Amino acid sequence: MRSPSTFEAPKAPPKRPATSAAAAEDEEAFEYNSLAVVSPASEQTFWNIAGRLNVSVAIAPALAQGHTLRATIDGRSVNVGAATSFVLTEVYRGEHNVSVSVIDSNGREMIRSAAVRFFVQQTNVGN
């Protein structure tokens, strides 16, 4: 007796949404014209900030969907999300440098601002 023959259709490869390829191409083609740290100002001195520094950034064009900002202060990187104003912590007495980068959804740096040097001073209360 012969066994019945069966046919099994090949499995289709997983579908990628059509928009993902287009979005990747759009992301690669997208370009920022400028990115700058507006606050703190270059060479600005702050007094008694309790370790908290307010940072403001100017970007053109506006931050694209899926892109985020990453601040770098004295070599330490901090992801700050999509807000163009944010607070960095643990910024104590001394000279510091801060810059900001735009990071795309693949983790690539798209643009980086110039570093801004600023100073933090602390009032000393003597007895």
PDB file of N, CA and C in Angstrom:
ATOM      1  N   MET A   1       0.820  -1.157   0.000  1.00  0.00           N
ATOM      2  CA  MET A   1       0.000   0.000   0.000  1.00  0.00           C
ATOM      3  C   MET A   1       0.884   1.247   0.000  1.00  0.00           C
ATOM      4  N   ARG A   2       0.486   2.220  -0.789  1.00  0.00           N
ATOM      5  CA  ARG A   2       1.259   3.464  -0.901  1.00  0.00           C
ATOM      6  C   ARG A   2       0.772   4.465   0.119  1.00  0.00           C
ATOM      7  N   SER A   3       1.711   5.207   0.657  1.00  0.00           N
ATOM      8  CA  SER A   3       1.284   6.250   1.589  1.00  0.00           C
ATOM      9  C   SER A   3       0.892   7.472   0.772  1.00  0.00           C
ATOM     10  N   PRO A   4      -0.119   8.188   1.247  1.00  0.00           N
ATOM     11  CA  PRO A   4      -0.569   9.354   0.494  1.00  0.00           C
ATOM     12  C   PRO A   4       0.528  10.427   0.493  1.00  0.00           C
ATOM     13  N   SER A   5       0.685  11.087  -0.648  1.00  0.00           N
ATOM     14  CA  SER A   5       1.683  12.151  -0.705  1.00  0.00           C
ATOM     15  C   SER A   5       1.064  13.443  -0.189  1.00  0.00           C
ATOM     16  N   THR A   6       1.878  14.168   0.488  1.00  0.00           N
ATOM     17  CA  THR A   6       1.383  15.430   1.041  1.00  0.00           C
ATOM     18  C   THR A   6       2.256  16.563   0.526  1.00  0.00           C
ATOM     19  N   PHE A   7       1.663  17.704   0.488  1.00  0.00           N
ATOM     20  CA  PHE A   7       2.379  18.888   0.046  1.00  0.00           C
ATOM     21  C   PHE A   7       2.354  19.904   1.168  1.00  0.00           C
ATOM     22  N   GLU A   8       3.512  20.405   1.484  1.00  0.00           N
ATOM     23  CA  GLU A   8       3.591  21.436   2.517  1.00  0.00           C
ATOM     24  C   GLU A   8       4.177  22.681   1.875  1.00  0.00           C
ATOM     25  N   ALA A   9       3.420  23.747   1.907  1.00  0.00           N
ATOM     26  CA  ALA A   9       3.872  25.002   1.301  1.00  0.00           C
ATOM     27  C   ALA A   9       5.035  25.565   2.105  1.00  0.00           C
ATOM     28  N   PRO A  10       6.010  26.175   1.413  1.00  0.00           N
ATOM     29  CA  PRO A  10       7.119  26.772   2.155  1.00  0.00           C
ATOM     30  C   PRO A  10       6.623  27.930   3.007  1.00  0.00           C
ATOM     31  N   LYS A  11       7.267  28.090   4.130  1.00  0.00           N
ATOM     32  CA  LYS A  11       6.879  29.176   5.032  1.00  0.00           C
ATOM     33  C   LYS A  11       7.387  30.496   4.488  1.00  0.00           C
ATOM     34  N   ALA A  12       6.537  31.486   4.551  1.00  0.00           N
ATOM     35  CA  ALA A  12       6.919  32.811   4.069  1.00  0.00           C
ATOM     36  C   ALA A  12       7.868  33.457   5.068  1.00  0.00           C
ATOM     37  N   PRO A  13       8.861  34.214   4.563  1.00  0.00           N
ATOM     38  CA  PRO A  13       9.751  34.913   5.496  1.00  0.00           C
ATOM     39  C   PRO A  13       8.955  35.945   6.271  1.00  0.00           C
ATOM     40  N   PRO A  14       9.416  36.286   7.476  1.00  0.00           N
ATOM     41  CA  PRO A  14       8.680  37.285   8.250  1.00  0.00           C
ATOM     42  C   PRO A  14       8.612  38.597   7.479  1.00  0.00           C
ATOM     43  N   LYS A  15       7.444  39.182   7.530  1.00  0.00           N
ATOM     44  CA  LYS A  15       7.247  40.433   6.805  1.00  0.00           C
ATOM     45  C   LYS A  15       7.771  41.601   7.609  1.00  0.00           C
ATOM     46  N   ARG A  16       8.503  42.473   6.917  1.00  0.00           N
ATOM     47  CA  ARG A  16       8.920  43.739   7.518  1.00  0.00           C
ATOM     48  C   ARG A  16       7.924  44.773   7.058  1.00  0.00           C
ATOM     49  N   PRO A  17       7.509  45.611   7.938  1.00  0.00           N
ATOM     50  CA  PRO A  17       6.572  46.642   7.500  1.00  0.00           C
ATOM     51  C   PRO A  17       7.202  47.463   6.378  1.00  0.00           C
ATOM     52  N   ALA A  18       6.403  47.782   5.394  1.00  0.00           N
ATOM     53  CA  ALA A  18       6.896  48.544   4.251  1.00  0.00           C
ATOM     54  C   ALA A  18       7.450  49.892   4.694  1.00  0.00           C
ATOM     55  N   THR A  19       6.901  50.405   5.770  1.00  0.00           N
ATOM     56  CA  THR A  19       7.339  51.724   6.219  1.00  0.00           C
ATOM     57  C   THR A  19       8.723  51.690   6.862  1.00  0.00           C
ATOM     58  N   SER A  20       9.183  50.525   7.355  1.00  0.00           N
ATOM     59  CA  SER A  20      10.480  50.506   8.036  1.00  0.00           C
ATOM     60  C   SER A  20      11.623  50.790   7.068  1.00  0.00           C
ATOM     61  N   ALA A  21      11.572  50.246   5.865  1.00  0.00           N
ATOM     62  CA  ALA A  21      12.623  50.519   4.884  1.00  0.00           C
ATOM     63  C   ALA A  21      12.583  51.983   4.472  1.00  0.00           C
ATOM     64  N   ALA A  22      11.391  52.489   4.250  1.00  0.00           N
ATOM     65  CA  ALA A  22      11.261  53.897   3.867  1.00  0.00           C
ATOM     66  C   ALA A  22      11.708  54.803   5.006  1.00  0.00           C
ATOM     67  N   ALA A  23      11.365  54.433   6.232  1.00  0.00           N
ATOM     68  CA  ALA A  23      11.758  55.248   7.389  1.00  0.00           C
ATOM     69  C   ALA A  23      13.269  55.261   7.544  1.00  0.00           C
ATOM     70  N   ALA A  24      13.916  54.112   7.305  1.00  0.00           N
ATOM     71  CA  ALA A  24      15.380  54.054   7.416  1.00  0.00           C
ATOM     72  C   ALA A  24      16.022  54.950   6.357  1.00  0.00           C
ATOM     73  N   GLU A  25      15.481  54.919   5.145  1.00  0.00           N
ATOM     74  CA  GLU A  25      16.018  55.785   4.092  1.00  0.00           C
ATOM     75  C   GLU A  25      15.808  57.247   4.431  1.00  0.00           C
ATOM     76  N   ASP A  26      14.605  57.578   4.940  1.00  0.00           N
ATOM     77  CA  ASP A  26      14.323  58.959   5.327  1.00  0.00           C
ATOM     78  C   ASP A  26      15.273  59.411   6.427  1.00  0.00           C
ATOM     79  N   GLU A  27      15.525  58.521   7.392  1.00  0.00           N
ATOM     80  CA  GLU A  27      16.393  58.871   8.508  1.00  0.00           C
ATOM     81  C   GLU A  27      17.815  59.137   8.021  1.00  0.00           C
ATOM     82  N   GLU A  28      18.291  58.322   7.083  1.00  0.00           N
ATOM     83  CA  GLU A  28      19.637  58.532   6.552  1.00  0.00           C
ATOM     84  C   GLU A  28      19.720  59.832   5.769  1.00  0.00           C
ATOM     85  N   ALA A  29      18.635  60.204   5.100  1.00  0.00           N
ATOM     86  CA  ALA A  29      18.629  61.426   4.297  1.00  0.00           C
ATOM     87  C   ALA A  29      18.406  62.675   5.146  1.00  0.00           C
ATOM     88  N   PHE A  30      17.835  62.513   6.333  1.00  0.00           N
ATOM     89  CA  PHE A  30      17.534  63.660   7.185  1.00  0.00           C
ATOM     90  C   PHE A  30      18.828  64.281   7.677  1.00  0.00           C
ATOM     91  N   GLU A  31      18.869  65.591   7.689  1.00  0.00           N
ATOM     92  CA  GLU A  31      20.072  66.290   8.114  1.00  0.00           C
ATOM     93  C   GLU A  31      19.704  67.496   8.970  1.00  0.00           C
ATOM     94  N   TYR A  32      20.479  67.721  10.021  1.00  0.00           N
ATOM     95  CA  TYR A  32      20.294  68.905  10.859  1.00  0.00           C
ATOM     96  C   TYR A  32      21.215  70.009  10.363  1.00  0.00           C
ATOM     97  N   ASN A  33      20.705  71.235  10.386  1.00  0.00           N
ATOM     98  CA  ASN A  33      21.506  72.385   9.965  1.00  0.00           C
ATOM     99  C   ASN A  33      22.375  72.911  11.092  1.00  0.00           C
ATOM    100  N   SER A  34      21.839  72.878  12.314  1.00  0.00           N
ATOM    101  CA  SER A  34      22.613  73.417  13.434  1.00  0.00           C
ATOM    102  C   SER A  34      22.170  72.811  14.754  1.00  0.00           C
ATOM    103  N   LEU A  35      23.112  72.782  15.673  1.00  0.00           N
ATOM    104  CA  LEU A  35      22.867  72.322  17.039  1.00  0.00           C
ATOM    105  C   LEU A  35      23.829  73.100  17.922  1.00  0.00           C
ATOM    106  N   ALA A  36      23.298  73.770  18.931  1.00  0.00           N
ATOM    107  CA  ALA A  36      24.153  74.585  19.801  1.00  0.00           C
ATOM    108  C   ALA A  36      23.639  74.567  21.229  1.00  0.00           C
ATOM    109  N   VAL A  37      24.572  74.616  22.169  1.00  0.00           N
ATOM    110  CA  VAL A  37      24.234  74.817  23.571  1.00  0.00           C
ATOM    111  C   VAL A  37      24.071  76.324  23.761  1.00  0.00           C
ATOM    112  N   VAL A  38      22.872  76.760  24.161  1.00  0.00           N
ATOM    113  CA  VAL A  38      22.623  78.193  24.360  1.00  0.00           C
ATOM    114  C   VAL A  38      22.814  78.594  25.813  1.00  0.00           C
ATOM    115  N   SER A  39      22.570  77.668  26.702  1.00  0.00           N
ATOM    116  CA  SER A  39      22.793  77.926  28.115  1.00  0.00           C
ATOM    117  C   SER A  39      23.347  76.636  28.710  1.00  0.00           C
ATOM    118  N   PRO A  40      24.460  76.676  29.373  1.00  0.00           N
ATOM    119  CA  PRO A  40      25.207  77.847  29.803  1.00  0.00           C
ATOM    120  C   PRO A  40      25.922  78.520  28.625  1.00  0.00           C
ATOM    121  N   ALA A  41      26.208  79.803  28.790  1.00  0.00           N
ATOM    122  CA  ALA A  41      26.968  80.544  27.793  1.00  0.00           C
ATOM    123  C   ALA A  41      28.449  80.224  27.966  1.00  0.00           C
ATOM    124  N   SER A  42      29.177  80.374  26.894  1.00  0.00           N
ATOM    125  CA  SER A  42      30.619  80.135  26.947  1.00  0.00           C
ATOM    126  C   SER A  42      31.281  81.043  27.976  1.00  0.00           C
ATOM    127  N   GLU A  43      32.105  80.446  28.831  1.00  0.00           N
ATOM    128  CA  GLU A  43      32.871  81.150  29.874  1.00  0.00           C
ATOM    129  C   GLU A  43      32.004  81.686  31.022  1.00  0.00           C
ATOM    130  N   GLN A  44      30.746  81.278  31.085  1.00  0.00           N
ATOM    131  CA  GLN A  44      29.856  81.746  32.157  1.00  0.00           C
ATOM    132  C   GLN A  44      30.273  81.128  33.486  1.00  0.00           C
ATOM    133  N   THR A  45      30.106  81.898  34.559  1.00  0.00           N
ATOM    134  CA  THR A  45      30.386  81.406  35.904  1.00  0.00           C
ATOM    135  C   THR A  45      29.083  81.331  36.683  1.00  0.00           C
ATOM    136  N   PHE A  46      28.864  80.194  37.330  1.00  0.00           N
ATOM    137  CA  PHE A  46      27.680  79.975  38.168  1.00  0.00           C
ATOM    138  C   PHE A  46      28.128  79.892  39.619  1.00  0.00           C
ATOM    139  N   TRP A  47      27.292  80.406  40.502  1.00  0.00           N
ATOM    140  CA  TRP A  47      27.560  80.356  41.943  1.00  0.00           C
ATOM    141  C   TRP A  47      26.515  79.515  42.638  1.00  0.00           C
ATOM    142  N   ASN A  48      26.971  78.603  43.502  1.00  0.00           N
ATOM    143  CA  ASN A  48      26.089  77.863  44.414  1.00  0.00           C
ATOM    144  C   ASN A  48      24.907  77.203  43.703  1.00  0.00           C
ATOM    145  N   ILE A  49      25.185  76.348  42.725  1.00  0.00           N
ATOM    146  CA  ILE A  49      24.090  75.714  41.977  1.00  0.00           C
ATOM    147  C   ILE A  49      23.675  74.360  42.564  1.00  0.00           C
ATOM    148  N   ALA A  50      24.272  73.968  43.673  1.00  0.00           N
ATOM    149  CA  ALA A  50      23.935  72.717  44.371  1.00  0.00           C
ATOM    150  C   ALA A  50      24.041  71.495  43.463  1.00  0.00           C
ATOM    151  N   GLY A  51      24.986  71.537  42.524  1.00  0.00           N
ATOM    152  CA  GLY A  51      25.218  70.380  41.667  1.00  0.00           C
ATOM    153  C   GLY A  51      24.257  70.224  40.516  1.00  0.00           C
ATOM    154  N   ARG A  52      23.346  71.183  40.316  1.00  0.00           N
ATOM    155  CA  ARG A  52      22.324  71.070  39.262  1.00  0.00           C
ATOM    156  C   ARG A  52      22.515  72.187  38.228  1.00  0.00           C
ATOM    157  N   LEU A  53      22.719  71.795  36.981  1.00  0.00           N
ATOM    158  CA  LEU A  53      22.952  72.749  35.904  1.00  0.00           C
ATOM    159  C   LEU A  53      21.808  72.697  34.900  1.00  0.00           C
ATOM    160  N   ASN A  54      21.162  73.840  34.674  1.00  0.00           N
ATOM    161  CA  ASN A  54      20.132  73.937  33.639  1.00  0.00           C
ATOM    162  C   ASN A  54      20.813  74.135  32.294  1.00  0.00           C
ATOM    163  N   VAL A  55      20.433  73.319  31.311  1.00  0.00           N
ATOM    164  CA  VAL A  55      21.010  73.385  29.972  1.00  0.00           C
ATOM    165  C   VAL A  55      19.883  73.626  28.977  1.00  0.00           C
ATOM    166  N   SER A  56      20.118  74.522  28.022  1.00  0.00           N
ATOM    167  CA  SER A  56      19.179  74.771  26.930  1.00  0.00           C
ATOM    168  C   SER A  56      19.916  74.609  25.615  1.00  0.00           C
ATOM    169  N   VAL A  57      19.216  74.031  24.644  1.00  0.00           N
ATOM    170  CA  VAL A  57      19.803  73.705  23.352  1.00  0.00           C
ATOM    171  C   VAL A  57      18.951  74.310  22.247  1.00  0.00           C
ATOM    172  N   ALA A  58      19.602  74.800  21.189  1.00  0.00           N
ATOM    173  CA  ALA A  58      18.910  75.260  19.985  1.00  0.00           C
ATOM    174  C   ALA A  58      19.241  74.274  18.864  1.00  0.00           C
ATOM    175  N   ILE A  59      18.204  73.820  18.150  1.00  0.00           N
ATOM    176  CA  ILE A  59      18.399  72.845  17.082  1.00  0.00           C
ATOM    177  C   ILE A  59      17.541  73.234  15.885  1.00  0.00           C
ATOM    178  N   ALA A  60      18.101  73.087  14.685  1.00  0.00           N
ATOM    179  CA  ALA A  60      17.336  73.373  13.471  1.00  0.00           C
ATOM    180  C   ALA A  60      17.690  72.329  12.413  1.00  0.00           C
ATOM    181  N   PRO A  61      16.684  71.774  11.758  1.00  0.00           N
ATOM    182  CA  PRO A  61      15.268  71.854  12.092  1.00  0.00           C
ATOM    183  C   PRO A  61      14.986  71.141  13.412  1.00  0.00           C
ATOM    184  N   ALA A  62      13.744  71.161  13.840  1.00  0.00           N
ATOM    185  CA  ALA A  62      13.350  70.544  15.116  1.00  0.00           C
ATOM    186  C   ALA A  62      13.746  69.067  15.132  1.00  0.00           C
ATOM    187  N   LEU A  63      13.894  68.549  16.329  1.00  0.00           N
ATOM    188  CA  LEU A  63      14.278  67.156  16.518  1.00  0.00           C
ATOM    189  C   LEU A  63      13.262  66.240  15.831  1.00  0.00           C
ATOM    190  N   ALA A  64      13.740  65.344  14.983  1.00  0.00           N
ATOM    191  CA  ALA A  64      12.872  64.424  14.241  1.00  0.00           C
ATOM    192  C   ALA A  64      12.373  63.308  15.155  1.00  0.00           C
ATOM    193  N   GLN A  65      11.250  62.738  14.790  1.00  0.00           N
ATOM    194  CA  GLN A  65      10.678  61.637  15.559  1.00  0.00           C
ATOM    195  C   GLN A  65      11.674  60.476  15.598  1.00  0.00           C
ATOM    196  N   GLY A  66      11.854  59.909  16.774  1.00  0.00           N
ATOM    197  CA  GLY A  66      12.778  58.798  16.951  1.00  0.00           C
ATOM    198  C   GLY A  66      14.203  59.223  17.271  1.00  0.00           C
ATOM    199  N   HIS A  67      14.481  60.513  17.181  1.00  0.00           N
ATOM    200  CA  HIS A  67      15.812  61.013  17.525  1.00  0.00           C
ATOM    201  C   HIS A  67      15.796  61.541  18.951  1.00  0.00           C
ATOM    202  N   THR A  68      16.934  61.443  19.614  1.00  0.00           N
ATOM    203  CA  THR A  68      17.044  61.924  20.990  1.00  0.00           C
ATOM    204  C   THR A  68      18.303  62.757  21.141  1.00  0.00           C
ATOM    205  N   LEU A  69      18.373  63.458  22.248  1.00  0.00           N
ATOM    206  CA  LEU A  69      19.558  64.253  22.565  1.00  0.00           C
ATOM    207  C   LEU A  69      20.390  63.518  23.606  1.00  0.00           C
ATOM    208  N   ARG A  70      21.703  63.651  23.474  1.00  0.00           N
ATOM    209  CA  ARG A  70      22.630  63.106  24.468  1.00  0.00           C
ATOM    210  C   ARG A  70      23.591  64.226  24.838  1.00  0.00           C
ATOM    211  N   ALA A  71      23.658  64.537  26.115  1.00  0.00           N
ATOM    212  CA  ALA A  71      24.588  65.550  26.603  1.00  0.00           C
ATOM    213  C   ALA A  71      25.869  64.860  27.030  1.00  0.00           C
ATOM    214  N   THR A  72      26.980  65.547  26.814  1.00  0.00           N
ATOM    215  CA  THR A  72      28.267  65.054  27.293  1.00  0.00           C
ATOM    216  C   THR A  72      28.885  66.158  28.133  1.00  0.00           C
ATOM    217  N   ILE A  73      29.109  65.852  29.408  1.00  0.00           N
ATOM    218  CA  ILE A  73      29.726  66.832  30.300  1.00  0.00           C
ATOM    219  C   ILE A  73      30.995  66.217  30.865  1.00  0.00           C
ATOM    220  N   ASP A  74      32.103  66.859  30.572  1.00  0.00           N
ATOM    221  CA  ASP A  74      33.415  66.385  31.045  1.00  0.00           C
ATOM    222  C   ASP A  74      33.647  64.917  30.683  1.00  0.00           C
ATOM    223  N   GLY A  75      33.229  64.512  29.486  1.00  0.00           N
ATOM    224  CA  GLY A  75      33.441  63.146  29.014  1.00  0.00           C
ATOM    225  C   GLY A  75      32.395  62.147  29.454  1.00  0.00           C
ATOM    226  N   ARG A  76      31.451  62.541  30.294  1.00  0.00           N
ATOM    227  CA  ARG A  76      30.399  61.648  30.791  1.00  0.00           C
ATOM    228  C   ARG A  76      29.133  61.898  29.982  1.00  0.00           C
ATOM    229  N   SER A  77      28.624  60.867  29.298  1.00  0.00           N
ATOM    230  CA  SER A  77      27.433  61.009  28.467  1.00  0.00           C
ATOM    231  C   SER A  77      26.167  60.714  29.253  1.00  0.00           C
ATOM    232  N   VAL A  78      25.138  61.523  28.970  1.00  0.00           N
ATOM    233  CA  VAL A  78      23.844  61.376  29.630  1.00  0.00           C
ATOM    234  C   VAL A  78      22.764  61.509  28.574  1.00  0.00           C
ATOM    235  N   ASN A  79      21.924  60.472  28.431  1.00  0.00           N
ATOM    236  CA  ASN A  79      20.793  60.574  27.509  1.00  0.00           C
ATOM    237  C   ASN A  79      19.737  61.454  28.147  1.00  0.00           C
ATOM    238  N   VAL A  80      19.295  62.470  27.402  1.00  0.00           N
ATOM    239  CA  VAL A  80      18.354  63.425  27.986  1.00  0.00           C
ATOM    240  C   VAL A  80      17.002  63.431  27.285  1.00  0.00           C
ATOM    241  N   GLY A  81      16.791  62.558  26.316  1.00  0.00           N
ATOM    242  CA  GLY A  81      15.502  62.468  25.646  1.00  0.00           C
ATOM    243  C   GLY A  81      15.335  63.514  24.561  1.00  0.00           C
ATOM    244  N   ALA A  82      14.100  63.998  24.403  1.00  0.00           N
ATOM    245  CA  ALA A  82      13.780  64.910  23.300  1.00  0.00           C
ATOM    246  C   ALA A  82      13.627  66.358  23.743  1.00  0.00           C
ATOM    247  N   ALA A  83      13.730  66.626  25.028  1.00  0.00           N
ATOM    248  CA  ALA A  83      13.548  67.994  25.528  1.00  0.00           C
ATOM    249  C   ALA A  83      14.783  68.835  25.222  1.00  0.00           C
ATOM    250  N   THR A  84      14.560  70.063  24.778  1.00  0.00           N
ATOM    251  CA  THR A  84      15.688  70.947  24.476  1.00  0.00           C
ATOM    252  C   THR A  84      16.118  71.773  25.686  1.00  0.00           C
ATOM    253  N   SER A  85      15.458  71.592  26.805  1.00  0.00           N
ATOM    254  CA  SER A  85      15.885  72.166  28.088  1.00  0.00           C
ATOM    255  C   SER A  85      15.854  71.035  29.105  1.00  0.00           C
ATOM    256  N   PHE A  86      16.928  70.894  29.848  1.00  0.00           N
ATOM    257  CA  PHE A  86      17.023  69.795  30.804  1.00  0.00           C
ATOM    258  C   PHE A  86      18.006  70.164  31.899  1.00  0.00           C
ATOM    259  N   VAL A  87      18.063  69.352  32.942  1.00  0.00           N
ATOM    260  CA  VAL A  87      18.949  69.585  34.082  1.00  0.00           C
ATOM    261  C   VAL A  87      19.958  68.451  34.168  1.00  0.00           C
ATOM    262  N   LEU A  88      21.225  68.816  34.257  1.00  0.00           N
ATOM    263  CA  LEU A  88      22.279  67.844  34.513  1.00  0.00           C
ATOM    264  C   LEU A  88      22.619  67.916  35.998  1.00  0.00           C
ATOM    265  N   THR A  89      22.843  66.767  36.603  1.00  0.00           N
ATOM    266  CA  THR A  89      23.142  66.723  38.034  1.00  0.00           C
ATOM    267  C   THR A  89      24.615  66.368  38.251  1.00  0.00           C
ATOM    268  N   GLU A  90      25.045  66.517  39.482  1.00  0.00           N
ATOM    269  CA  GLU A  90      26.411  66.236  39.905  1.00  0.00           C
ATOM    270  C   GLU A  90      27.422  67.113  39.174  1.00  0.00           C
ATOM    271  N   VAL A  91      27.054  68.396  39.027  1.00  0.00           N
ATOM    272  CA  VAL A  91      27.953  69.374  38.409  1.00  0.00           C
ATOM    273  C   VAL A  91      28.453  70.256  39.551  1.00  0.00           C
ATOM    274  N   TYR A  92      29.655  69.987  40.010  1.00  0.00           N
ATOM    275  CA  TYR A  92      30.178  70.658  41.189  1.00  0.00           C
ATOM    276  C   TYR A  92      31.249  71.683  40.841  1.00  0.00           C
ATOM    277  N   ARG A  93      31.844  72.270  41.846  1.00  0.00           N
ATOM    278  CA  ARG A  93      32.839  73.329  41.706  1.00  0.00           C
ATOM    279  C   ARG A  93      33.921  72.958  40.686  1.00  0.00           C
ATOM    280  N   GLY A  94      34.280  73.950  39.852  1.00  0.00           N
ATOM    281  CA  GLY A  94      35.378  73.749  38.918  1.00  0.00           C
ATOM    282  C   GLY A  94      35.025  74.166  37.504  1.00  0.00           C
ATOM    283  N   GLU A  95      35.926  73.843  36.608  1.00  0.00           N
ATOM    284  CA  GLU A  95      35.761  74.120  35.174  1.00  0.00           C
ATOM    285  C   GLU A  95      35.111  72.913  34.515  1.00  0.00           C
ATOM    286  N   HIS A  96      34.143  73.159  33.641  1.00  0.00           N
ATOM    287  CA  HIS A  96      33.422  72.066  32.977  1.00  0.00           C
ATOM    288  C   HIS A  96      33.237  72.380  31.505  1.00  0.00           C
ATOM    289  N   ASN A  97      33.034  71.327  30.718  1.00  0.00           N
ATOM    290  CA  ASN A  97      32.716  71.442  29.294  1.00  0.00           C
ATOM    291  C   ASN A  97      31.487  70.604  29.008  1.00  0.00           C
ATOM    292  N   VAL A  98      30.534  71.191  28.284  1.00  0.00           N
ATOM    293  CA  VAL A  98      29.320  70.469  27.927  1.00  0.00           C
ATOM    294  C   VAL A  98      29.072  70.604  26.429  1.00  0.00           C
ATOM    295  N   SER A  99      28.637  69.517  25.815  1.00  0.00           N
ATOM    296  CA  SER A  99      28.213  69.519  24.422  1.00  0.00           C
ATOM    297  C   SER A  99      26.988  68.622  24.309  1.00  0.00           C
ATOM    298  N   VAL A 100      26.304  68.714  23.182  1.00  0.00           N
ATOM    299  CA  VAL A 100      25.089  67.926  22.973  1.00  0.00           C
ATOM    300  C   VAL A 100      25.149  67.302  21.592  1.00  0.00           C
ATOM    301  N   SER A 101      24.631  66.072  21.479  1.00  0.00           N
ATOM    302  CA  SER A 101      24.567  65.358  20.198  1.00  0.00           C
ATOM    303  C   SER A 101      23.143  64.922  19.936  1.00  0.00           C
ATOM    304  N   VAL A 102      22.806  64.781  18.657  1.00  0.00           N
ATOM    305  CA  VAL A 102      21.541  64.158  18.263  1.00  0.00           C
ATOM    306  C   VAL A 102      21.870  62.716  17.903  1.00  0.00           C
ATOM    307  N   ILE A 103      21.095  61.799  18.482  1.00  0.00           N
ATOM    308  CA  ILE A 103      21.286  60.374  18.247  1.00  0.00           C
ATOM    309  C   ILE A 103      20.061  59.842  17.509  1.00  0.00           C
ATOM    310  N   ASP A 104      20.282  59.132  16.397  1.00  0.00           N
ATOM    311  CA  ASP A 104      19.142  58.597  15.645  1.00  0.00           C
ATOM    312  C   ASP A 104      18.658  57.295  16.277  1.00  0.00           C
ATOM    313  N   SER A 105      17.608  56.714  15.701  1.00  0.00           N
ATOM    314  CA  SER A 105      16.996  55.515  16.297  1.00  0.00           C
ATOM    315  C   SER A 105      17.907  54.291  16.224  1.00  0.00           C
ATOM    316  N   ASN A 106      18.979  54.362  15.428  1.00  0.00           N
ATOM    317  CA  ASN A 106      19.947  53.264  15.354  1.00  0.00           C
ATOM    318  C   ASN A 106      21.145  53.490  16.264  1.00  0.00           C
ATOM    319  N   GLY A 107      21.114  54.577  17.057  1.00  0.00           N
ATOM    320  CA  GLY A 107      22.194  54.853  17.981  1.00  0.00           C
ATOM    321  C   GLY A 107      23.358  55.618  17.366  1.00  0.00           C
ATOM    322  N   ARG A 108      23.195  56.101  16.133  1.00  0.00           N
ATOM    323  CA  ARG A 108      24.266  56.848  15.475  1.00  0.00           C
ATOM    324  C   ARG A 108      24.176  58.334  15.802  1.00  0.00           C
ATOM    325  N   GLU A 109      25.338  58.938  15.984  1.00  0.00           N
ATOM    326  CA  GLU A 109      25.398  60.379  16.225  1.00  0.00           C
ATOM    327  C   GLU A 109      25.232  61.085  14.879  1.00  0.00           C
ATOM    328  N   MET A 110      24.246  61.989  14.800  1.00  0.00           N
ATOM    329  CA  MET A 110      23.976  62.692  13.551  1.00  0.00           C
ATOM    330  C   MET A 110      24.645  64.058  13.490  1.00  0.00           C
ATOM    331  N   ILE A 111      24.725  64.733  14.624  1.00  0.00           N
ATOM    332  CA  ILE A 111      25.354  66.049  14.710  1.00  0.00           C
ATOM    333  C   ILE A 111      25.759  66.280  16.155  1.00  0.00           C
ATOM    334  N   ARG A 112      26.828  67.048  16.348  1.00  0.00           N
ATOM    335  CA  ARG A 112      27.294  67.369  17.700  1.00  0.00           C
ATOM    336  C   ARG A 112      27.541  68.869  17.769  1.00  0.00           C
ATOM    337  N   SER A 113      27.149  69.455  18.882  1.00  0.00           N
ATOM    338  CA  SER A 113      27.396  70.887  19.084  1.00  0.00           C
ATOM    339  C   SER A 113      28.854  71.109  19.462  1.00  0.00           C
ATOM    340  N   ALA A 114      29.276  72.344  19.365  1.00  0.00           N
ATOM    341  CA  ALA A 114      30.592  72.712  19.897  1.00  0.00           C
ATOM    342  C   ALA A 114      30.516  72.625  21.417  1.00  0.00           C
ATOM    343  N   ALA A 115      31.629  72.309  22.038  1.00  0.00           N
ATOM    344  CA  ALA A 115      31.680  72.259  23.502  1.00  0.00           C
ATOM    345  C   ALA A 115      31.648  73.682  24.055  1.00  0.00           C
ATOM    346  N   VAL A 116      30.947  73.838  25.163  1.00  0.00           N
ATOM    347  CA  VAL A 116      30.863  75.128  25.859  1.00  0.00           C
ATOM    348  C   VAL A 116      31.556  74.962  27.205  1.00  0.00           C
ATOM    349  N   ARG A 117      32.512  75.854  27.489  1.00  0.00           N
ATOM    350  CA  ARG A 117      33.225  75.815  28.764  1.00  0.00           C
ATOM    351  C   ARG A 117      32.547  76.788  29.717  1.00  0.00           C
ATOM    352  N   PHE A 118      32.338  76.320  30.957  1.00  0.00           N
ATOM    353  CA  PHE A 118      31.736  77.170  32.002  1.00  0.00           C
ATOM    354  C   PHE A 118      32.368  76.798  33.330  1.00  0.00           C
ATOM    355  N   PHE A 119      32.069  77.606  34.336  1.00  0.00           N
ATOM    356  CA  PHE A 119      32.689  77.431  35.653  1.00  0.00           C
ATOM    357  C   PHE A 119      31.621  77.422  36.739  1.00  0.00           C
ATOM    358  N   VAL A 120      31.876  76.635  37.765  1.00  0.00           N
ATOM    359  CA  VAL A 120      30.997  76.603  38.936  1.00  0.00           C
ATOM    360  C   VAL A 120      31.838  77.006  40.141  1.00  0.00           C
ATOM    361  N   GLN A 121      31.348  77.971  40.885  1.00  0.00           N
ATOM    362  CA  GLN A 121      32.000  78.456  42.103  1.00  0.00           C
ATOM    363  C   GLN A 121      31.088  78.171  43.288  1.00  0.00           C
ATOM    364  N   GLN A 122      31.682  78.001  44.424  1.00  0.00           N
ATOM    365  CA  GLN A 122      30.944  77.755  45.651  1.00  0.00           C
ATOM    366  C   GLN A 122      31.401  78.762  46.698  1.00  0.00           C
ATOM    367  N   THR A 123      30.445  79.445  47.300  1.00  0.00           N
ATOM    368  CA  THR A 123      30.784  80.389  48.346  1.00  0.00           C
ATOM    369  C   THR A 123      31.318  79.634  49.556  1.00  0.00           C
ATOM    370  N   ASN A 124      32.426  80.101  50.092  1.00  0.00           N
ATOM    371  CA  ASN A 124      33.006  79.519  51.292  1.00  0.00           C
ATOM    372  C   ASN A 124      32.591  80.374  52.497  1.00  0.00           C
ATOM    373  N   VAL A 125      32.055  79.737  53.492  1.00  0.00           N
ATOM    374  CA  VAL A 125      31.699  80.455  54.714  1.00  0.00           C
ATOM    375  C   VAL A 125      32.740  80.108  55.760  1.00  0.00           C
ATOM    376  N   GLY A 126      33.555  81.103  56.120  1.00  0.00           N
ATOM    377  CA  GLY A 126      34.610  80.863  57.100  1.00  0.00           C
ATOM    378  C   GLY A 126      34.168  81.264  58.491  1.00  0.00           C
ATOM    379  N   ASN A 127      34.751  80.650  59.478  1.00  0.00           N
ATOM    380  CA  ASN A 127      34.428  80.990  60.868  1.00  0.00           C
ATOM    381  C   ASN A 127      35.401  82.013  61.383  1.00  0.00           C
TER     382      ASN A 127
END
